[in-house]
C-alpha atoms as a PDB file:
ATOM      1  CA  MET A   1      -9.871 -43.193  45.875  1.00  0.00           C
ATOM      2  CA  ASN A   2      -6.181 -42.834  47.589  1.00  0.00           C
ATOM      3  CA  THR A   3      -5.043 -40.511  44.172  1.00  0.00           C
ATOM      4  CA  VAL A   4      -7.056 -37.567  42.695  1.00  0.00           C
ATOM      5  CA  LEU A   5      -4.153 -36.705  39.521  1.00  0.00           C
ATOM      6  CA  GLN A   6      -1.692 -39.026  38.342  1.00  0.00           C
ATOM      7  CA  ALA A   7       0.186 -37.841  34.804  1.00  0.00           C
ATOM      8  CA  GLN A   8       3.256 -39.693  33.609  1.00  0.00           C
ATOM      9  CA  GLY A   9       5.238 -38.200  30.993  1.00  0.00           C
ATOM     10  CA  LEU A  10       2.444 -35.142  30.738  1.00  0.00           C
ATOM     11  CA  GLY A  11       3.312 -32.497  27.868  1.00  0.00           C
ATOM     12  CA  ARG A  12       1.648 -30.333  25.874  1.00  0.00           C
ATOM     13  CA  LYS A  13       2.735 -28.336  22.721  1.00  0.00           C
ATOM     14  CA  TYR A  14       1.635 -24.586  21.531  1.00  0.00           C
ATOM     15  CA  GLY A  15       3.090 -24.777  17.835  1.00  0.00           C
ATOM     16  CA  LYS A  16       6.975 -25.185  18.802  1.00  0.00           C
ATOM     17  CA  ARG A  17       6.995 -24.147  22.317  1.00  0.00           C
ATOM     18  CA  TRP A  18       6.242 -26.799  25.052  1.00  0.00           C
ATOM     19  CA  ALA A  19       3.910 -24.997  27.961  1.00  0.00           C
ATOM     20  CA  LEU A  20       4.715 -27.833  29.451  1.00  0.00           C
ATOM     21  CA  ARG A  21       6.765 -31.330  29.408  1.00  0.00           C
ATOM     22  CA  GLU A  22       8.036 -34.402  31.174  1.00  0.00           C
ATOM     23  CA  CYS A  23       5.470 -33.688  33.958  1.00  0.00           C
ATOM     24  CA  THR A  24       5.416 -36.586  35.950  1.00  0.00           C
ATOM     25  CA  LEU A  25       3.194 -36.209  39.210  1.00  0.00           C
ATOM     26  CA  ASP A  26       0.844 -38.495  41.872  1.00  0.00           C
ATOM     27  CA  ILE A  27      -1.221 -36.152  43.812  1.00  0.00           C
ATOM     28  CA  PRO A  28      -2.469 -38.380  46.790  1.00  0.00           C
ATOM     29  CA  ALA A  29      -6.171 -37.755  47.979  1.00  0.00           C
ATOM     30  CA  GLY A  30      -7.380 -35.356  50.829  1.00  0.00           C
ATOM     31  CA  HIS A  31      -5.030 -32.477  50.091  1.00  0.00           C
ATOM     32  CA  VAL A  32      -4.701 -28.951  49.746  1.00  0.00           C
ATOM     33  CA  VAL A  33      -2.362 -28.800  46.988  1.00  0.00           C
ATOM     34  CA  GLY A  34      -0.327 -25.183  46.002  1.00  0.00           C
ATOM     35  CA  LEU A  35       0.878 -24.932  42.133  1.00  0.00           C
ATOM     36  CA  VAL A  36       3.054 -22.490  42.172  1.00  0.00           C
ATOM     37  CA  GLY A  37       5.680 -21.174  39.866  1.00  0.00           C
ATOM     38  CA  PRO A  38       6.475 -18.206  37.541  1.00  0.00           C
ATOM     39  CA  ASN A  39       4.525 -16.666  34.992  1.00  0.00           C
ATOM     40  CA  GLY A  40       4.465 -18.611  32.210  1.00  0.00           C
ATOM     41  CA  ALA A  41       5.835 -21.981  34.198  1.00  0.00           C
ATOM     42  CA  GLY A  42       2.673 -23.900  32.796  1.00  0.00           C
ATOM     43  CA  LYS A  43       0.692 -23.489  35.982  1.00  0.00           C
ATOM     44  CA  THR A  44      -2.304 -22.836  33.902  1.00  0.00           C
ATOM     45  CA  THR A  45      -1.637 -25.568  31.012  1.00  0.00           C
ATOM     46  CA  LEU A  46      -1.356 -28.544  33.556  1.00  0.00           C
ATOM     47  CA  LEU A  47      -4.749 -27.356  35.728  1.00  0.00           C
ATOM     48  CA  LYS A  48      -6.566 -27.091  32.134  1.00  0.00           C
ATOM     49  CA  LEU A  49      -5.304 -30.418  30.966  1.00  0.00           C
ATOM     50  CA  ALA A  50      -6.242 -31.783  34.441  1.00  0.00           C
ATOM     51  CA  SER A  51      -9.839 -30.107  34.033  1.00  0.00           C
ATOM     52  CA  GLY A  52     -10.059 -31.654  30.458  1.00  0.00           C
ATOM     53  CA  GLN A  53     -10.124 -28.453  28.910  1.00  0.00           C
ATOM     54  CA  LEU A  54      -6.916 -29.195  26.883  1.00  0.00           C
ATOM     55  CA  GLU A  55      -5.604 -33.058  25.555  1.00  0.00           C
ATOM     56  CA  PRO A  56      -2.024 -33.792  26.192  1.00  0.00           C
ATOM     57  CA  THR A  57       0.761 -33.556  23.339  1.00  0.00           C
ATOM     58  CA  ALA A  58       2.425 -36.326  24.894  1.00  0.00           C
ATOM     59  CA  GLY A  59       2.251 -38.866  28.095  1.00  0.00           C
ATOM     60  CA  GLY A  60      -0.902 -39.066  29.814  1.00  0.00           C
ATOM     61  CA  ILE A  61      -3.205 -37.893  32.887  1.00  0.00           C
ATOM     62  CA  THR A  62      -6.067 -39.609  35.066  1.00  0.00           C
ATOM     63  CA  VAL A  63      -8.187 -37.446  37.040  1.00  0.00           C
ATOM     64  CA  LEU A  64      -9.774 -39.564  39.799  1.00  0.00           C
ATOM     65  CA  GLY A  65      -8.743 -42.794  38.159  1.00  0.00           C
ATOM     66  CA  GLY A  66     -10.368 -41.465  34.929  1.00  0.00           C
ATOM     67  CA  ARG A  67      -9.469 -39.409  31.822  1.00  0.00           C
ATOM     68  CA  PRO A  68     -10.271 -36.159  32.454  1.00  0.00           C
ATOM     69  CA  ALA A  69     -13.953 -34.411  30.621  1.00  0.00           C
ATOM     70  CA  SER A  70     -14.298 -38.394  30.031  1.00  0.00           C
ATOM     71  CA  GLY A  71     -18.004 -38.142  30.418  1.00  0.00           C
ATOM     72  CA  PRO A  72     -20.954 -36.376  32.217  1.00  0.00           C
ATOM     73  CA  ALA A  73     -19.937 -38.675  35.555  1.00  0.00           C
ATOM     74  CA  GLN A  74     -16.171 -37.355  35.608  1.00  0.00           C
ATOM     75  CA  LEU A  75     -17.090 -33.748  34.618  1.00  0.00           C
ATOM     76  CA  ALA A  76     -19.643 -34.017  37.825  1.00  0.00           C
ATOM     77  CA  ARG A  77     -16.731 -34.983  40.057  1.00  0.00           C
ATOM     78  CA  VAL A  78     -14.743 -32.205  39.471  1.00  0.00           C
ATOM     79  CA  GLY A  79     -15.014 -28.025  39.986  1.00  0.00           C
ATOM     80  CA  PHE A  80     -12.598 -25.743  37.610  1.00  0.00           C
ATOM     81  CA  VAL A  81     -13.038 -21.975  39.011  1.00  0.00           C
ATOM     82  CA  ALA A  82     -10.604 -19.970  36.618  1.00  0.00           C
ATOM     83  CA  GLN A  83      -8.217 -16.853  36.533  1.00  0.00           C
ATOM     84  CA  ASP A  84     -10.624 -14.594  35.771  1.00  0.00           C
ATOM     85  CA  THR A  85     -13.655 -16.160  38.434  1.00  0.00           C
ATOM     86  CA  PRO A  86     -15.525 -16.086  35.392  1.00  0.00           C
ATOM     87  CA  VAL A  87     -19.650 -15.117  35.699  1.00  0.00           C
ATOM     88  CA  TYR A  88     -22.463 -14.212  33.643  1.00  0.00           C
ATOM     89  CA  THR A  89     -22.402 -10.376  34.358  1.00  0.00           C
ATOM     90  CA  GLY A  90     -25.931  -9.759  33.325  1.00  0.00           C
ATOM     91  CA  LEU A  91     -27.264 -12.878  35.193  1.00  0.00           C
ATOM     92  CA  SER A  92     -28.110 -12.226  38.981  1.00  0.00           C
ATOM     93  CA  VAL A  93     -26.850 -14.080  41.844  1.00  0.00           C
ATOM     94  CA  ALA A  94     -29.998 -15.968  42.251  1.00  0.00           C
ATOM     95  CA  ASP A  95     -29.485 -16.597  38.198  1.00  0.00           C
ATOM     96  CA  HIS A  96     -25.946 -18.207  38.953  1.00  0.00           C
ATOM     97  CA  LEU A  97     -27.604 -20.533  41.415  1.00  0.00           C
ATOM     98  CA  ARG A  98     -30.479 -21.562  38.958  1.00  0.00           C
ATOM     99  CA  LEU A  99     -27.548 -22.571  36.531  1.00  0.00           C
ATOM    100  CA  GLY A 100     -25.997 -24.360  38.511  1.00  0.00           C
ATOM    101  CA  SER A 101     -28.700 -26.377  39.771  1.00  0.00           C
ATOM    102  CA  ARG A 102     -29.926 -27.255  36.325  1.00  0.00           C
ATOM    103  CA  LEU A 103     -26.157 -28.203  34.868  1.00  0.00           C
ATOM    104  CA  ASN A 104     -24.694 -30.260  38.093  1.00  0.00           C
ATOM    105  CA  PRO A 105     -26.766 -33.252  38.858  1.00  0.00           C
ATOM    106  CA  ARG A 106     -24.897 -33.214  43.027  1.00  0.00           C
ATOM    107  CA  TRP A 107     -25.795 -29.124  43.563  1.00  0.00           C
ATOM    108  CA  ASP A 108     -26.281 -28.157  46.643  1.00  0.00           C
ATOM    109  CA  ALA A 109     -28.855 -26.191  47.025  1.00  0.00           C
ATOM    110  CA  THR A 110     -29.220 -25.138  50.235  1.00  0.00           C
ATOM    111  CA  MET A 111     -25.427 -24.680  50.817  1.00  0.00           C
ATOM    112  CA  ALA A 112     -25.156 -22.206  47.503  1.00  0.00           C
ATOM    113  CA  ARG A 113     -27.811 -20.265  49.356  1.00  0.00           C
ATOM    114  CA  ASP A 114     -26.237 -20.263  52.815  1.00  0.00           C
ATOM    115  CA  ARG A 115     -23.370 -19.237  51.976  1.00  0.00           C
ATOM    116  CA  LEU A 116     -23.749 -16.650  50.107  1.00  0.00           C
ATOM    117  CA  ALA A 117     -26.126 -15.237  52.737  1.00  0.00           C
ATOM    118  CA  ARG A 118     -23.368 -15.294  54.985  1.00  0.00           C
ATOM    119  CA  LEU A 119     -21.426 -13.427  52.558  1.00  0.00           C
ATOM    120  CA  GLY A 120     -24.241 -11.118  52.745  1.00  0.00           C
ATOM    121  CA  LEU A 121     -24.899 -11.376  48.756  1.00  0.00           C
ATOM    122  CA  ASP A 122     -27.867 -10.078  47.424  1.00  0.00           C
ATOM    123  CA  PRO A 123     -29.813 -12.862  45.518  1.00  0.00           C
ATOM    124  CA  ALA A 124     -31.247 -10.072  43.269  1.00  0.00           C
ATOM    125  CA  GLN A 125     -28.132  -8.745  42.613  1.00  0.00           C
ATOM    126  CA  ARG A 126     -26.476  -8.772  39.203  1.00  0.00           C
ATOM    127  CA  ALA A 127     -22.604 -10.439  38.695  1.00  0.00           C
ATOM    128  CA  GLY A 128     -21.334  -7.347  36.708  1.00  0.00           C
ATOM    129  CA  LYS A 129     -22.515  -4.925  39.477  1.00  0.00           C
ATOM    130  CA  LEU A 130     -20.341  -6.933  42.100  1.00  0.00           C
ATOM    131  CA  SER A 131     -16.942  -6.097  43.317  1.00  0.00           C
ATOM    132  CA  GLY A 132     -13.990  -8.254  42.646  1.00  0.00           C
ATOM    133  CA  GLY A 133     -14.272 -10.200  45.717  1.00  0.00           C
ATOM    134  CA  GLN A 134     -17.823 -10.548  45.957  1.00  0.00           C
ATOM    135  CA  ARG A 135     -17.463 -11.995  42.031  1.00  0.00           C
ATOM    136  CA  ALA A 136     -14.303 -14.438  43.446  1.00  0.00           C
ATOM    137  CA  GLN A 137     -16.764 -16.078  46.181  1.00  0.00           C
ATOM    138  CA  LEU A 138     -19.828 -16.344  43.463  1.00  0.00           C
ATOM    139  CA  ALA A 139     -17.505 -18.478  41.707  1.00  0.00           C
ATOM    140  CA  LEU A 140     -15.912 -20.157  44.637  1.00  0.00           C
ATOM    141  CA  THR A 141     -19.515 -20.853  45.885  1.00  0.00           C
ATOM    142  CA  LEU A 142     -20.548 -22.360  42.441  1.00  0.00           C
ATOM    143  CA  GLY A 143     -17.814 -24.594  42.166  1.00  0.00           C
ATOM    144  CA  LEU A 144     -18.789 -25.752  45.684  1.00  0.00           C
ATOM    145  CA  ALA A 145     -22.052 -26.122  45.343  1.00  0.00           C
ATOM    146  CA  LYS A 146     -21.362 -28.770  42.516  1.00  0.00           C
ATOM    147  CA  ARG A 147     -19.671 -31.225  45.237  1.00  0.00           C
ATOM    148  CA  PRO A 148     -16.943 -31.913  43.641  1.00  0.00           C
ATOM    149  CA  GLU A 149     -14.168 -34.760  44.602  1.00  0.00           C
ATOM    150  CA  LEU A 150     -11.470 -32.279  43.493  1.00  0.00           C
ATOM    151  CA  LEU A 151     -11.959 -28.444  43.032  1.00  0.00           C
ATOM    152  CA  ILE A 152      -9.477 -27.042  40.851  1.00  0.00           C
ATOM    153  CA  LEU A 153      -9.046 -23.336  41.341  1.00  0.00           C
ATOM    154  CA  ASP A 154      -6.084 -21.158  38.542  1.00  0.00           C
ATOM    155  CA  GLU A 155      -4.825 -18.088  40.007  1.00  0.00           C
ATOM    156  CA  PRO A 156      -8.039 -17.098  41.974  1.00  0.00           C
ATOM    157  CA  VAL A 157      -6.827 -14.187  44.112  1.00  0.00           C
ATOM    158  CA  ALA A 158      -4.263 -13.065  41.325  1.00  0.00           C
ATOM    159  CA  SER A 159      -7.072  -9.856  40.888  1.00  0.00           C
ATOM    160  CA  LEU A 160      -7.918  -9.590  44.622  1.00  0.00           C
ATOM    161  CA  ASP A 161      -6.844  -6.804  47.217  1.00  0.00           C
ATOM    162  CA  PRO A 162      -5.241  -8.266  50.574  1.00  0.00           C
ATOM    163  CA  LEU A 163      -8.576  -8.399  52.734  1.00  0.00           C
ATOM    164  CA  ALA A 164     -10.581 -10.144  49.507  1.00  0.00           C
ATOM    165  CA  ARG A 165      -7.964 -12.640  49.184  1.00  0.00           C
ATOM    166  CA  ARG A 166      -8.001 -13.562  52.772  1.00  0.00           C
ATOM    167  CA  GLU A 167     -11.551 -14.012  53.245  1.00  0.00           C
ATOM    168  CA  PHE A 168     -11.754 -15.902  49.967  1.00  0.00           C
ATOM    169  CA  LEU A 169      -9.144 -18.135  51.066  1.00  0.00           C
ATOM    170  CA  GLN A 170     -10.565 -18.642  54.823  1.00  0.00           C
ATOM    171  CA  GLY A 171     -14.013 -19.738  53.353  1.00  0.00           C
ATOM    172  CA  LEU A 172     -11.896 -22.177  51.020  1.00  0.00           C
ATOM    173  CA  MET A 173     -10.235 -23.546  54.587  1.00  0.00           C
ATOM    174  CA  GLU A 174     -13.721 -23.590  56.415  1.00  0.00           C
ATOM    175  CA  ALA A 175     -15.327 -25.346  52.499  1.00  0.00           C
ATOM    176  CA  THR A 176     -12.534 -28.585  52.828  1.00  0.00           C
ATOM    177  CA  VAL A 177     -12.617 -29.383  56.255  1.00  0.00           C
ATOM    178  CA  GLU A 178     -16.837 -29.248  56.560  1.00  0.00           C
ATOM    179  CA  HIS A 179     -16.804 -31.222  53.043  1.00  0.00           C
ATOM    180  CA  GLU A 180     -13.463 -33.318  52.541  1.00  0.00           C
ATOM    181  CA  PHE A 181     -12.872 -33.156  49.360  1.00  0.00           C
ATOM    182  CA  SER A 182      -9.647 -31.887  47.457  1.00  0.00           C
ATOM    183  CA  VAL A 183      -8.267 -28.850  46.501  1.00  0.00           C
ATOM    184  CA  LEU A 184      -5.588 -28.029  43.569  1.00  0.00           C
ATOM    185  CA  LEU A 185      -4.756 -24.350  44.307  1.00  0.00           C
ATOM    186  CA  SER A 186      -2.758 -22.616  41.166  1.00  0.00           C
ATOM    187  CA  SER A 187      -0.500 -19.038  42.512  1.00  0.00           C
ATOM    188  CA  HIS A 188       2.408 -17.113  42.358  1.00  0.00           C
ATOM    189  CA  LEU A 189       1.532 -15.690  45.681  1.00  0.00           C
ATOM    190  CA  VAL A 190       3.548 -17.906  47.842  1.00  0.00           C
ATOM    191  CA  SER A 191       2.402 -16.154  51.064  1.00  0.00           C
ATOM    192  CA  ASP A 192      -1.099 -17.163  50.342  1.00  0.00           C
ATOM    193  CA  LEU A 193      -0.132 -20.758  49.650  1.00  0.00           C
ATOM    194  CA  GLU A 194       1.518 -20.916  52.738  1.00  0.00           C
ATOM    195  CA  ARG A 195      -1.676 -20.305  54.745  1.00  0.00           C
ATOM    196  CA  VAL A 196      -3.567 -22.994  52.717  1.00  0.00           C
ATOM    197  CA  CYS A 197      -1.308 -25.662  51.124  1.00  0.00           C
ATOM    198  CA  ASP A 198       0.052 -28.843  53.133  1.00  0.00           C
ATOM    199  CA  PHE A 199       1.145 -30.394  49.436  1.00  0.00           C
ATOM    200  CA  LEU A 200       3.391 -28.437  47.204  1.00  0.00           C
ATOM    201  CA  ILE A 201       4.362 -28.553  43.312  1.00  0.00           C
ATOM    202  CA  VAL A 202       6.786 -26.154  42.280  1.00  0.00           C
ATOM    203  CA  LEU A 203       6.534 -25.388  38.407  1.00  0.00           C
ATOM    204  CA  VAL A 204       9.632 -23.545  36.426  1.00  0.00           C
ATOM    205  CA  ASP A 205      10.218 -23.770  33.259  1.00  0.00           C
ATOM    206  CA  SER A 206       7.248 -25.925  32.212  1.00  0.00           C
ATOM    207  CA  ARG A 207       8.555 -28.487  33.963  1.00  0.00           C
ATOM    208  CA  VAL A 208       8.110 -29.877  37.907  1.00  0.00           C
ATOM    209  CA  GLN A 209      11.269 -28.981  40.307  1.00  0.00           C
ATOM    210  CA  VAL A 210       9.851 -30.440  43.370  1.00  0.00           C
ATOM    211  CA  THR A 211       6.367 -31.490  44.772  1.00  0.00           C
ATOM    212  CA  GLY A 212       5.437 -33.549  48.206  1.00  0.00           C
ATOM    213  CA  GLU A 213       4.168 -32.928  51.427  1.00  0.00           C
ATOM    214  CA  ALA A 214       5.209 -29.158  52.797  1.00  0.00           C
ATOM    215  CA  ASP A 215       6.173 -30.473  55.611  1.00  0.00           C
ATOM    216  CA  GLN A 216       8.628 -32.888  54.096  1.00  0.00           C
ATOM    217  CA  LEU A 217       9.870 -30.711  52.275  1.00  0.00           C
ATOM    218  CA  LEU A 218      10.752 -28.139  54.607  1.00  0.00           C
ATOM    219  CA  ALA A 219      12.067 -30.570  57.054  1.00  0.00           C
ATOM    220  CA  THR A 220      14.684 -31.959  53.875  1.00  0.00           C
ATOM    221  CA  HIS A 221      15.570 -28.597  52.957  1.00  0.00           C
ATOM    222  CA  HIS A 222      18.175 -26.207  54.560  1.00  0.00           C
ATOM    223  CA  ARG A 223      20.206 -23.257  53.794  1.00  0.00           C
ATOM    224  CA  LEU A 224      24.110 -23.505  54.242  1.00  0.00           C
ATOM    225  CA  THR A 225      26.581 -20.317  54.379  1.00  0.00           C
ATOM    226  CA  GLY A 226      30.260 -20.646  55.333  1.00  0.00           C
ATOM    227  CA  PRO A 227      33.616 -20.517  53.891  1.00  0.00           C
ATOM    228  CA  ARG A 228      33.672 -20.376  49.787  1.00  0.00           C
ATOM    229  CA  ARG A 229      33.686 -24.135  49.043  1.00  0.00           C
ATOM    230  CA  ASP A 230      32.936 -25.437  44.899  1.00  0.00           C
ATOM    231  CA  PRO A 231      29.687 -27.635  45.073  1.00  0.00           C
ATOM    232  CA  ASP A 232      31.807 -30.724  44.305  1.00  0.00           C
ATOM    233  CA  ARG A 233      33.267 -30.746  47.690  1.00  0.00           C
ATOM    234  CA  LEU A 234      29.764 -31.468  49.693  1.00  0.00           C
ATOM    235  CA  PRO A 235      28.702 -34.444  50.293  1.00  0.00           C
ATOM    236  CA  ALA A 236      27.236 -36.716  47.435  1.00  0.00           C
ATOM    237  CA  ASP A 237      24.020 -36.878  49.907  1.00  0.00           C
ATOM    238  CA  GLN A 238      23.703 -33.410  49.535  1.00  0.00           C
ATOM    239  CA  HIS A 239      21.903 -32.030  46.723  1.00  0.00           C
ATOM    240  CA  VAL A 240      22.154 -28.515  45.540  1.00  0.00           C
ATOM    241  CA  VAL A 241      18.952 -26.619  44.738  1.00  0.00           C
ATOM    242  CA  CYS A 242      20.866 -23.365  43.857  1.00  0.00           C
ATOM    243  CA  ALA A 243      23.862 -21.757  45.274  1.00  0.00           C
ATOM    244  CA  ARG A 244      25.499 -18.401  44.748  1.00  0.00           C
ATOM    245  CA  HIS A 245      28.807 -17.463  46.020  1.00  0.00           C
ATOM    246  CA  THR A 246      31.203 -14.309  46.711  1.00  0.00           C
ATOM    247  CA  ASP A 247      34.849 -14.469  46.661  1.00  0.00           C
ATOM    248  CA  ARG A 248      35.212 -15.383  50.319  1.00  0.00           C
ATOM    249  CA  GLN A 249      31.661 -17.066  51.109  1.00  0.00           C
ATOM    250  CA  SER A 250      29.127 -19.399  49.527  1.00  0.00           C
ATOM    251  CA  THR A 251      25.431 -20.059  50.089  1.00  0.00           C
ATOM    252  CA  TYR A 252      23.538 -22.713  49.213  1.00  0.00           C
ATOM    253  CA  VAL A 253      20.255 -24.245  49.427  1.00  0.00           C
ATOM    254  CA  ILE A 254      20.616 -28.747  49.403  1.00  0.00           C
ATOM    255  CA  ARG A 255      17.971 -31.413  49.457  1.00  0.00           C
ATOM    256  CA  THR A 256      19.091 -33.672  52.344  1.00  0.00           C
ATOM    257  CA  ASP A 257      18.072 -36.866  54.264  1.00  0.00           C
ATOM    258  CA  ALA A 258      20.625 -36.625  56.811  1.00  0.00           C
ATOM    259  CA  PRO A 259      22.042 -34.631  59.415  1.00  0.00           C
ATOM    260  CA  ILE A 260      24.586 -32.151  59.048  1.00  0.00           C
ATOM    261  CA  HIS A 261      27.396 -32.527  60.677  1.00  0.00           C
ATOM    262  CA  ASP A 262      30.084 -30.178  58.953  1.00  0.00           C
ATOM    263  CA  PRO A 263      30.894 -27.217  61.566  1.00  0.00           C
ATOM    264  CA  ALA A 264      31.822 -24.838  59.027  1.00  0.00           C
ATOM    265  CA  TRP A 265      28.470 -24.217  58.135  1.00  0.00           C
ATOM    266  CA  THR A 266      25.578 -22.263  59.944  1.00  0.00           C
ATOM    267  CA  VAL A 267      22.377 -24.337  58.792  1.00  0.00           C
ATOM    268  CA  THR A 268      18.988 -22.545  58.880  1.00  0.00           C
ATOM    269  CA  GLN A 269      15.582 -23.684  58.531  1.00  0.00           C
ATOM    270  CA  LEU A 270      13.441 -22.912  54.888  1.00  0.00           C
ATOM    271  CA  GLY A 271      10.032 -21.075  54.831  1.00  0.00           C
ATOM    272  CA  LEU A 272       7.869 -22.325  51.719  1.00  0.00           C
ATOM    273  CA  GLU A 273       8.346 -18.902  50.067  1.00  0.00           C
ATOM    274  CA  ASP A 274      12.322 -19.549  50.650  1.00  0.00           C
ATOM    275  CA  LEU A 275      12.173 -23.357  48.939  1.00  0.00           C
ATOM    276  CA  VAL A 276      10.132 -22.088  46.028  1.00  0.00           C
ATOM    277  CA  LEU A 277      12.244 -18.936  45.623  1.00  0.00           C
ATOM    278  CA  ALA A 278      15.695 -21.636  45.234  1.00  0.00           C
ATOM    279  CA  TYR A 279      14.096 -24.006  43.177  1.00  0.00           C
ATOM    280  CA  MET A 280      12.887 -20.773  41.340  1.00  0.00           C
ATOM    281  CA  ASP A 281      16.580 -19.215  41.541  1.00  0.00           C
ATOM    282  CA  ARG A 282      18.052 -22.318  40.348  1.00  0.00           C
ATOM    283  CA  ARG A 283      17.304 -21.604  36.656  1.00  0.00           C
ATOM    284  CA  THR A 284      19.251 -18.319  37.323  1.00  0.00           C
ATOM    285  CA  THR A 285      21.834 -20.093  38.811  1.00  0.00           C
ATOM    286  CA  ASP A 286      22.055 -22.814  35.675  1.00  0.00           C
ATOM    287  CA  GLN A 287      22.197 -19.588  33.231  1.00  0.00           C
ATOM    288  CA  ARG A 288      24.832 -18.512  35.008  1.00  0.00           C
ATOM    289  CA  VAL A 289      26.949 -21.038  35.143  1.00  0.00           C
ATOM    290  CA  ALA A 290      26.258 -21.627  31.681  1.00  0.00           C
ATOM    291  CA  LEU A 291      27.938 -18.517  30.605  1.00  0.00           C
ATOM    292  CA  GLU A 292      30.617 -18.746  32.796  1.00  0.00           C
ATOM    293  CA  VAL A 293      31.790 -22.005  30.974  1.00  0.00           C
ATOM    294  CA  GLN A 294      31.275 -20.356  27.693  1.00  0.00           C
ATOM    295  CA  ARG A 295      33.682 -17.571  28.553  1.00  0.00           C
END
């Protein structure tokens, strides 16, 4: 399987509001994919469509070559950990492992037991008495022990403190190296994604803004700073992502495969967070331009 997720014109509508629209994606296997964007951008909607919890309003989606949640065999191939890292507060850690073994045909009991032992979780402890970080690790263990081909994680570290986030992500990376599965991880904490993800999807205003391997995206995006210049004076192969101007200076973030030879520009490379913020700033740039046109 070379592709874990394909979407074509995918959309989901709630009443009159599109939570996700015109989403076309082709995510290759073997990556840790970071799905990033502001709150309300459509990240959770996309993940719920991918896991079969929602049906599309428009377009189509396949996961691991099949329709999401189309049957027991398809369900067994995909793991899902929701944003609130759900566990049953009245059940013990051991109860969760027994439940997992009954519900998942490819359950790896040894891996689950050994991982929780390394984390120091008491099998007799009720989940409701665990810390937030411990509950997140328990939920991750349940997802990993399912032995999925694709593990979907929806903002799994959003409520954790920095140390618990680091431990969670470290455990995730160790598991992906050991068991060789694909991961689709959503977060608005770009610094966390920068440590673990090698493929990126940016969602803003319910639409995909950019997608691709992180290294390739960083190699083709640049910040240009120099004397004030209108965008129509830039070369045709320099696609403007966002722009800011003062009376004398222009700053652009552009995407191009070609070298930049203009000596008027100071050219700097972007980090992953800079790149994501540029696509998020694109919305406010477009809004500013629209207001200027109206005036």
